[in-house]
Amino acid sequence: MLGLPPTAAAPAGLVDDPLTPSEAAGGADGADTVLERMLETRLRQSRAVDPVFARDLADRVGALVARGGKRLRTAFALCGWRAAGGSGDATAVLRTGAALELLQACALVHDDVMDGSPTRRGGPALHVELARAHWAAGMHGSAETFGTSSAVLAGDLALAWADDLMTETALETPHGRRLHEEWRAMRSEMVAGQYRDLHAQAARSSDVDEALDIATLKSALYTVARPLALGGALAGAGDRTLDALRAAGRCAGLAFQLRDDLLGAFGDPALTGKPAGDDLRSRKLTYLLAIALRLADTAGDHHAAAALAPDADNRSERAVERMRAAMERTGAREVVEAKIGELTAMSLGHFERTGARPAVRQEFAALVERASGAVPRRAGEVA
């Protein structure tokens, strides 16, 4: 089995109305079983198409998906389904979750290529693994170019599998049109976010609002907002419920991305499965970076501003440490932590508008805590 990480305990303050054992099992064992069976089918089909393609690309895509990750998108899709009154057979929403995990694999592979990241989920990034295979086999040409080009195709394959599974699911449900509308919007948003990320780096942008726009498009919508809405659509949710799910998901997803930015700057690679400092080294526009620069300028902290400036040389480890120190000294790290807390509180408020029963609200609060690393509190609640 692929193994989901444990769900965080529900925060205090919500009415005790636990999910039934069958509901809880549907989220953990069910999601992994559906994903595992789907991968077995796709890998078998790939071997029938071409054995070399299957060995070098399809098997590696399957291994990346099987290596895990938080499975948050699947969990949020299930939560959205339950919030909209979904009950009983969860096959369609679990298949939707599997499609989301494949879409995530596509995004990770392509993101690692664009960022030049060497590791992913505790192992070599796919483009690095493929380059090493080229070198070990003594093949002709550039191993790096081969690895990059092959990884782009591997990401495309994961996206094709995700689309195939989503199409099959939509055709088998009476709510397929609404499901497809959410999926179609999500794919475009994800690509738009990736491009805005590249564009901001090339333009050497430091704009706070632009950083939030990128975080929303690139991560918040397809990590939480759209999975919630996909689950809601499968339960036949109306427009008001879907709007509430999307609003709750946008806030929770943005909190997730801001936490990821903090981990990218200050996290332990042994725990995150990816190197720390890569975003700083490439000067990726994040809310953390933009806020740090704004605070440095406001305080007249010229040393911090110089360390974070677009024209600073950020490639050395010493330069990265200077950036970290500047973010600490300006108070940017604390500002981002506070923003995460604010967003989680807003997310809970929006989710309550769905009218979900208390057990599902508990489930959502636990998922938000797991995603953001912050204990969710309602707006105005004192810690």
Protein backbone atom coordinates (compact mmCIF):
# COMPACT_ATOMS: atom_id res chain seq x y z
CA MET A 1 0.00 0.00 0.00
CA LEU A 2 1.10 3.55 -0.66
CA GLY A 3 0.49 4.85 2.87
CA LEU A 4 -1.18 8.11 3.81
CA PRO A 5 0.36 10.15 6.63
CA PRO A 6 -1.78 10.30 9.77
CA THR A 7 -4.41 13.00 9.97
CA ALA A 8 -3.87 15.66 12.62
CA ALA A 9 -6.17 15.65 15.62
CA ALA A 10 -9.18 17.92 15.38
CA PRO A 11 -8.82 21.18 17.31
CA ALA A 12 -10.86 21.78 20.39
CA GLY A 13 -13.98 23.89 20.27
CA LEU A 14 -15.99 21.98 17.66
CA VAL A 15 -18.98 19.79 18.50
CA ASP A 16 -18.04 16.14 19.00
CA ASP A 17 -19.63 14.26 16.07
CA PRO A 18 -16.96 11.90 14.74
CA LEU A 19 -16.89 10.37 11.30
CA THR A 20 -18.08 6.79 11.16
CA PRO A 21 -15.43 4.04 10.75
CA SER A 22 -16.48 3.51 7.13
CA GLU A 23 -16.13 7.22 6.38
CA ALA A 24 -12.67 7.39 7.96
CA ALA A 25 -11.52 4.26 6.12
CA GLY A 26 -12.74 5.69 2.83
CA GLY A 27 -10.29 8.54 3.20
CA ALA A 28 -7.17 6.53 3.97
CA ASP A 29 -7.24 2.94 2.70
CA GLY A 30 -9.70 3.75 -0.08
CA ALA A 31 -7.62 6.53 -1.62
CA ASP A 32 -4.47 4.44 -1.67
CA THR A 33 -6.22 1.38 -3.06
CA VAL A 34 -7.77 3.32 -5.95
CA LEU A 35 -4.46 4.99 -6.78
CA GLU A 36 -2.54 1.72 -6.60
CA ARG A 37 -4.95 -0.10 -8.89
CA MET A 38 -5.01 2.78 -11.36
CA LEU A 39 -1.20 2.81 -11.54
CA GLU A 40 -1.10 -0.95 -12.11
CA THR A 41 -3.48 -0.56 -15.05
CA ARG A 42 -1.60 2.37 -16.60
CA LEU A 43 1.78 0.65 -16.24
CA ARG A 44 0.43 -2.53 -17.83
CA GLN A 45 -0.94 -0.49 -20.74
CA SER A 46 2.41 1.31 -21.10
CA ARG A 47 4.28 -1.98 -21.38
CA ALA A 48 1.92 -3.01 -24.16
CA VAL A 49 2.69 0.24 -26.01
CA ASP A 50 6.48 0.00 -25.80
CA PRO A 51 8.75 -1.73 -23.26
CA VAL A 52 11.54 0.88 -23.33
CA PHE A 53 9.11 3.76 -22.83
CA ALA A 54 7.45 1.82 -20.02
CA ARG A 55 10.73 1.00 -18.27
CA ASP A 56 12.32 4.43 -18.55
CA LEU A 57 9.36 6.79 -18.19
CA ALA A 58 6.10 5.15 -17.13
CA ASP A 59 7.68 3.12 -14.33
CA ARG A 60 9.44 6.21 -13.01
CA VAL A 61 6.23 8.24 -13.01
CA GLY A 62 4.52 5.42 -11.14
CA ALA A 63 7.36 5.24 -8.62
CA LEU A 64 7.22 9.00 -7.99
CA VAL A 65 3.49 8.84 -7.28
CA ALA A 66 3.92 5.75 -5.10
CA ARG A 67 6.67 7.44 -3.06
CA GLY A 68 3.93 9.38 -1.43
CA GLY A 69 3.52 12.96 -0.54
CA LYS A 70 0.86 14.29 1.80
CA ARG A 71 -2.12 13.19 -0.36
CA LEU A 72 -3.73 16.46 0.70
CA ARG A 73 -5.58 16.99 -2.54
CA THR A 74 -7.36 13.66 -2.22
CA ALA A 75 -8.22 14.41 1.41
CA PHE A 76 -9.64 17.84 0.54
CA ALA A 77 -11.69 16.38 -2.33
CA LEU A 78 -13.24 13.88 0.09
CA CYS A 79 -13.89 16.66 2.59
CA GLY A 80 -15.62 18.80 -0.04
CA TRP A 81 -17.76 15.84 -1.04
CA ARG A 82 -18.83 15.24 2.56
CA ALA A 83 -19.44 18.96 3.14
CA ALA A 84 -21.90 18.95 0.24
CA GLY A 85 -23.74 15.95 1.65
CA GLY A 86 -21.87 13.15 -0.08
CA SER A 87 -22.21 9.75 1.60
CA GLY A 88 -22.10 6.07 0.77
CA ASP A 89 -20.02 4.89 -2.19
CA ALA A 90 -17.02 7.22 -2.51
CA THR A 91 -15.52 5.57 -5.61
CA ALA A 92 -15.97 8.61 -7.88
CA VAL A 93 -14.37 11.04 -5.44
CA LEU A 94 -11.51 8.63 -4.73
CA ARG A 95 -10.87 8.34 -8.47
CA THR A 96 -10.91 12.13 -8.64
CA GLY A 97 -8.34 12.15 -5.84
CA ALA A 98 -6.15 9.77 -7.82
CA ALA A 99 -6.35 12.10 -10.82
CA LEU A 100 -5.31 14.99 -8.57
CA GLU A 101 -2.27 13.04 -7.35
CA LEU A 102 -1.25 12.41 -10.97
CA LEU A 103 -1.68 16.09 -11.80
CA GLN A 104 0.51 16.86 -8.80
CA ALA A 105 3.17 14.49 -10.14
CA CYS A 106 3.13 16.36 -13.45
CA ALA A 107 3.54 19.68 -11.64
CA LEU A 108 6.40 18.40 -9.48
CA VAL A 109 8.36 16.94 -12.40
CA HIS A 110 8.01 20.09 -14.50
CA ASP A 111 8.66 22.38 -11.52
CA ASP A 112 11.90 20.54 -10.70
CA VAL A 113 13.05 20.94 -14.31
CA MET A 114 12.27 24.66 -14.33
CA ASP A 115 13.89 25.26 -10.94
CA GLY A 116 16.84 22.92 -11.50
CA SER A 117 16.02 21.15 -8.21
CA PRO A 118 18.20 18.07 -7.62
CA THR A 119 15.93 16.16 -5.20
CA ARG A 120 12.27 15.37 -4.67
CA ARG A 121 10.52 13.34 -1.96
CA GLY A 122 13.81 12.20 -0.48
CA GLY A 123 15.27 10.95 -3.78
CA PRO A 124 16.75 12.39 -6.95
CA ALA A 125 14.44 14.56 -9.04
CA LEU A 126 13.24 12.77 -12.16
CA HIS A 127 15.36 14.79 -14.59
CA VAL A 128 18.45 14.04 -12.46
CA GLU A 129 17.62 10.32 -12.31
CA LEU A 130 17.17 10.16 -16.09
CA ALA A 131 20.42 12.05 -16.70
CA ARG A 132 22.28 9.60 -14.47
CA ALA A 133 20.75 6.68 -16.37
CA HIS A 134 21.96 8.22 -19.66
CA TRP A 135 25.47 8.64 -18.26
CA ALA A 136 25.59 5.14 -16.74
CA ALA A 137 24.53 3.56 -20.04
CA GLY A 138 27.26 5.43 -21.96
CA MET A 139 24.72 6.95 -24.33
CA HIS A 140 25.57 9.60 -26.89
CA GLY A 141 25.03 13.33 -26.36
CA SER A 142 24.43 15.49 -23.31
CA ALA A 143 23.13 13.56 -20.29
CA GLU A 144 21.69 16.77 -18.86
CA THR A 145 19.73 17.59 -22.02
CA PHE A 146 18.47 14.02 -22.23
CA GLY A 147 17.35 14.10 -18.60
CA THR A 148 15.55 17.41 -19.00
CA SER A 149 13.79 16.47 -22.22
CA SER A 150 12.75 13.06 -20.90
CA ALA A 151 11.42 14.57 -17.68
CA VAL A 152 9.22 16.95 -19.66
CA LEU A 153 7.73 13.91 -21.40
CA ALA A 154 7.31 12.12 -18.06
CA GLY A 155 5.37 15.08 -16.70
CA ASP A 156 3.23 15.11 -19.83
CA LEU A 157 2.52 11.41 -19.31
CA ALA A 158 1.35 12.02 -15.73
CA LEU A 159 -0.96 14.78 -17.00
CA ALA A 160 -2.34 12.49 -19.73
CA TRP A 161 -3.07 9.79 -17.15
CA ALA A 162 -4.75 12.36 -14.90
CA ASP A 163 -6.93 13.65 -17.76
CA ASP A 164 -7.87 10.11 -18.83
CA LEU A 165 -8.93 9.19 -15.31
CA MET A 166 -10.85 12.43 -14.84
CA THR A 167 -12.67 11.98 -18.15
CA GLU A 168 -13.65 8.41 -17.26
CA THR A 169 -14.92 9.58 -13.88
CA ALA A 170 -16.90 12.48 -15.33
CA LEU A 171 -18.59 10.19 -17.86
CA GLU A 172 -19.73 7.85 -15.09
CA THR A 173 -21.37 10.46 -12.84
CA PRO A 174 -24.54 12.54 -13.33
CA HIS A 175 -22.51 15.58 -12.25
CA GLY A 176 -19.81 15.14 -14.89
CA ARG A 177 -20.27 18.53 -16.59
CA ARG A 178 -19.71 20.49 -13.37
CA LEU A 179 -16.82 18.20 -12.46
CA HIS A 180 -15.16 18.83 -15.81
CA GLU A 181 -15.63 22.60 -15.50
CA GLU A 182 -13.73 22.62 -12.18
CA TRP A 183 -10.98 20.39 -13.60
CA ARG A 184 -10.58 22.47 -16.76
CA ALA A 185 -10.29 25.71 -14.76
CA MET A 186 -7.76 24.16 -12.39
CA ARG A 187 -5.41 23.05 -15.17
CA SER A 188 -5.32 26.52 -16.70
CA GLU A 189 -4.79 28.18 -13.32
CA MET A 190 -1.89 25.88 -12.56
CA VAL A 191 -0.12 26.64 -15.84
CA ALA A 192 -0.80 30.37 -15.42
CA GLY A 193 0.75 30.25 -11.96
CA GLN A 194 3.85 28.44 -13.19
CA TYR A 195 4.31 31.00 -15.95
CA ARG A 196 3.79 33.95 -13.62
CA ASP A 197 6.43 32.41 -11.35
CA LEU A 198 8.93 32.23 -14.22
CA HIS A 199 7.99 35.71 -15.41
CA ALA A 200 8.49 37.25 -11.96
CA GLN A 201 11.93 35.68 -11.64
CA ALA A 202 12.96 36.95 -15.06
CA ALA A 203 11.58 40.42 -14.29
CA ARG A 204 13.30 40.38 -10.85
CA SER A 205 10.01 41.42 -9.28
CA SER A 206 9.70 42.19 -5.56
CA ASP A 207 6.01 43.13 -5.51
CA VAL A 208 3.99 41.82 -2.55
CA ASP A 209 0.68 41.64 -4.41
CA GLU A 210 2.27 39.82 -7.32
CA ALA A 211 3.78 37.30 -4.90
CA LEU A 212 0.31 36.57 -3.49
CA ASP A 213 -1.19 36.29 -6.98
CA ILE A 214 1.45 33.73 -7.95
CA ALA A 215 1.01 31.75 -4.73
CA THR A 216 -2.74 31.66 -5.29
CA LEU A 217 -2.58 30.55 -8.92
CA LYS A 218 0.38 28.23 -8.64
CA SER A 219 -0.56 26.43 -5.45
CA ALA A 220 -3.60 27.55 -3.44
CA LEU A 221 -6.23 26.85 -6.07
CA TYR A 222 -5.10 23.44 -7.21
CA THR A 223 -3.98 22.27 -3.77
CA VAL A 224 -7.15 23.05 -1.82
CA ALA A 225 -9.78 25.23 -3.53
CA ARG A 226 -10.36 23.15 -6.64
CA PRO A 227 -10.10 19.75 -4.89
CA LEU A 228 -12.76 20.88 -2.42
CA ALA A 229 -14.95 22.08 -5.29
CA LEU A 230 -14.37 18.88 -7.27
CA GLY A 231 -15.58 16.87 -4.30
CA GLY A 232 -18.53 19.20 -3.84
CA ALA A 233 -19.44 18.92 -7.52
CA LEU A 234 -19.52 15.12 -7.25
CA ALA A 235 -22.06 15.44 -4.43
CA GLY A 236 -24.26 17.72 -6.55
CA ALA A 237 -23.47 20.91 -4.60
CA GLY A 238 -25.22 24.11 -5.56
CA ASP A 239 -23.50 27.35 -6.49
CA ARG A 240 -23.56 28.79 -2.96
CA THR A 241 -21.93 25.72 -1.45
CA LEU A 242 -19.32 25.58 -4.21
CA ASP A 243 -18.52 29.27 -3.74
CA ALA A 244 -18.04 28.69 0.00
CA LEU A 245 -15.80 25.68 -0.66
CA ARG A 246 -13.68 27.63 -3.15
CA ALA A 247 -13.33 30.59 -0.76
CA ALA A 248 -12.36 28.32 2.15
CA GLY A 249 -9.93 26.49 -0.08
CA ARG A 250 -8.32 29.64 -1.45
CA CYS A 251 -7.49 30.82 2.08
CA ALA A 252 -6.32 27.41 3.28
CA GLY A 253 -4.32 26.83 0.10
CA LEU A 254 -2.59 30.18 0.40
CA ALA A 255 -1.70 29.36 4.01
CA PHE A 256 -0.27 26.06 2.73
CA GLN A 257 1.91 27.86 0.17
CA LEU A 258 3.16 30.43 2.68
CA ARG A 259 4.15 27.56 4.98
CA ASP A 260 5.93 25.93 2.05
CA ASP A 261 7.81 29.19 1.43
CA LEU A 262 8.98 29.22 5.05
CA LEU A 263 10.09 25.60 4.80
CA GLY A 264 11.88 26.37 1.55
CA ALA A 265 13.90 29.06 3.31
CA PHE A 266 14.31 27.63 6.81
CA GLY A 267 13.23 23.97 6.65
CA ASP A 268 15.26 20.83 7.34
CA PRO A 269 15.86 18.89 4.08
CA ALA A 270 15.75 15.63 6.05
CA LEU A 271 12.13 16.39 6.91
CA THR A 272 10.95 18.20 3.77
CA GLY A 273 12.59 15.86 1.24
CA LYS A 274 13.99 18.77 -0.77
CA PRO A 275 16.97 21.09 -0.34
CA ALA A 276 16.57 24.25 1.70
CA GLY A 277 17.56 27.55 0.17
CA ASP A 278 16.85 26.77 -3.49
CA ASP A 279 14.11 29.41 -3.66
CA LEU A 280 16.45 31.95 -2.11
CA ARG A 281 19.33 30.98 -4.37
CA SER A 282 17.18 31.46 -7.47
CA ARG A 283 15.48 34.49 -5.89
CA LYS A 284 12.01 33.09 -6.51
CA LEU A 285 9.36 35.70 -5.78
CA THR A 286 7.60 34.60 -2.60
CA TYR A 287 5.48 36.52 -0.14
CA LEU A 288 8.27 35.97 2.41
CA LEU A 289 10.86 37.64 0.17
CA ALA A 290 8.57 40.50 -0.87
CA ILE A 291 7.54 41.28 2.71
CA ALA A 292 11.16 41.15 3.89
CA LEU A 293 12.19 43.69 1.27
CA ARG A 294 9.24 45.96 2.09
CA LEU A 295 10.08 45.84 5.80
CA ALA A 296 13.78 46.48 5.13
CA ASP A 297 12.96 49.53 3.02
CA THR A 298 10.50 50.85 5.60
CA ALA A 299 13.01 50.45 8.44
CA GLY A 300 15.91 51.83 6.41
CA ASP A 301 17.80 48.56 6.91
CA HIS A 302 20.21 48.92 4.00
CA HIS A 303 22.13 45.73 4.80
CA ALA A 304 18.98 43.62 4.69
CA ALA A 305 17.77 45.37 1.55
CA ALA A 306 21.11 44.74 -0.14
CA ALA A 307 21.04 41.04 0.77
CA LEU A 308 17.54 40.66 -0.69
CA ALA A 309 17.89 42.99 -3.69
CA PRO A 310 17.20 41.72 -7.23
CA ASP A 311 20.80 42.36 -8.30
CA ALA A 312 22.36 40.55 -5.31
CA ASP A 313 24.50 37.49 -6.00
CA ASN A 314 22.49 34.77 -4.23
CA ARG A 315 24.22 31.67 -5.52
CA SER A 316 26.67 30.99 -2.70
CA GLU A 317 25.70 29.41 0.61
CA ARG A 318 26.99 32.50 2.38
CA ALA A 319 24.65 34.70 0.34
CA VAL A 320 21.73 32.42 1.18
CA GLU A 321 22.57 32.71 4.87
CA ARG A 322 22.61 36.49 4.54
CA MET A 323 19.13 36.34 3.02
CA ARG A 324 17.86 34.16 5.85
CA ALA A 325 19.35 36.52 8.41
CA ALA A 326 17.72 39.50 6.70
CA MET A 327 14.34 37.80 6.76
CA GLU A 328 14.72 37.12 10.46
CA ARG A 329 15.99 40.59 11.32
CA THR A 330 13.27 42.47 9.44
CA GLY A 331 10.56 40.42 11.13
CA ALA A 332 9.36 38.98 7.81
CA ARG A 333 9.28 35.44 9.17
CA GLU A 334 6.93 36.50 11.97
CA VAL A 335 4.74 38.46 9.55
CA VAL A 336 4.33 35.38 7.36
CA GLU A 337 3.48 33.23 10.40
CA ALA A 338 0.82 35.76 11.38
CA LYS A 339 -0.56 35.80 7.83
CA ILE A 340 -0.85 32.01 7.91
CA GLY A 341 -2.85 32.24 11.12
CA GLU A 342 -5.12 34.90 9.65
CA LEU A 343 -5.75 32.84 6.52
CA THR A 344 -6.58 29.67 8.45
CA ALA A 345 -9.13 31.57 10.54
CA MET A 346 -10.73 33.00 7.41
CA SER A 347 -10.79 29.54 5.86
CA LEU A 348 -12.78 28.09 8.76
CA GLY A 349 -15.27 30.94 8.52
CA HIS A 350 -15.88 30.35 4.83
CA PHE A 351 -16.22 26.60 5.35
CA GLU A 352 -18.96 27.07 7.93
CA ARG A 353 -21.06 28.68 5.17
CA THR A 354 -21.33 25.26 3.51
CA GLY A 355 -23.59 24.08 6.32
CA ALA A 356 -21.45 20.97 6.75
CA ARG A 357 -22.15 18.87 9.82
CA PRO A 358 -19.80 19.26 12.81
CA ALA A 359 -17.80 16.10 12.08
CA VAL A 360 -16.94 17.40 8.60
CA ARG A 361 -15.99 20.80 10.01
CA GLN A 362 -13.66 18.97 12.40
CA GLU A 363 -12.21 17.06 9.47
CA PHE A 364 -11.62 20.27 7.51
CA ALA A 365 -10.00 22.04 10.46
CA ALA A 366 -7.63 19.08 10.94
CA LEU A 367 -6.72 19.12 7.25
CA VAL A 368 -6.04 22.87 7.34
CA GLU A 369 -3.77 22.37 10.34
CA ARG A 370 -1.96 19.57 8.52
CA ALA A 371 -1.53 21.71 5.41
CA SER A 372 -0.56 25.01 7.04
CA GLY A 373 1.25 23.88 10.16
CA ALA A 374 -0.94 26.26 12.17
CA VAL A 375 -3.75 25.39 14.56
CA PRO A 376 -6.85 26.87 12.89
CA ARG A 377 -8.77 29.41 14.95
CA ARG A 378 -11.91 31.27 14.08
CA ALA A 379 -11.53 34.97 13.38
CA GLY A 380 -11.21 36.90 16.64
CA GLU A 381 -10.41 33.80 18.72
CA VAL A 382 -7.49 34.30 21.10
CA ALA A 383 -4.79 31.63 21.29
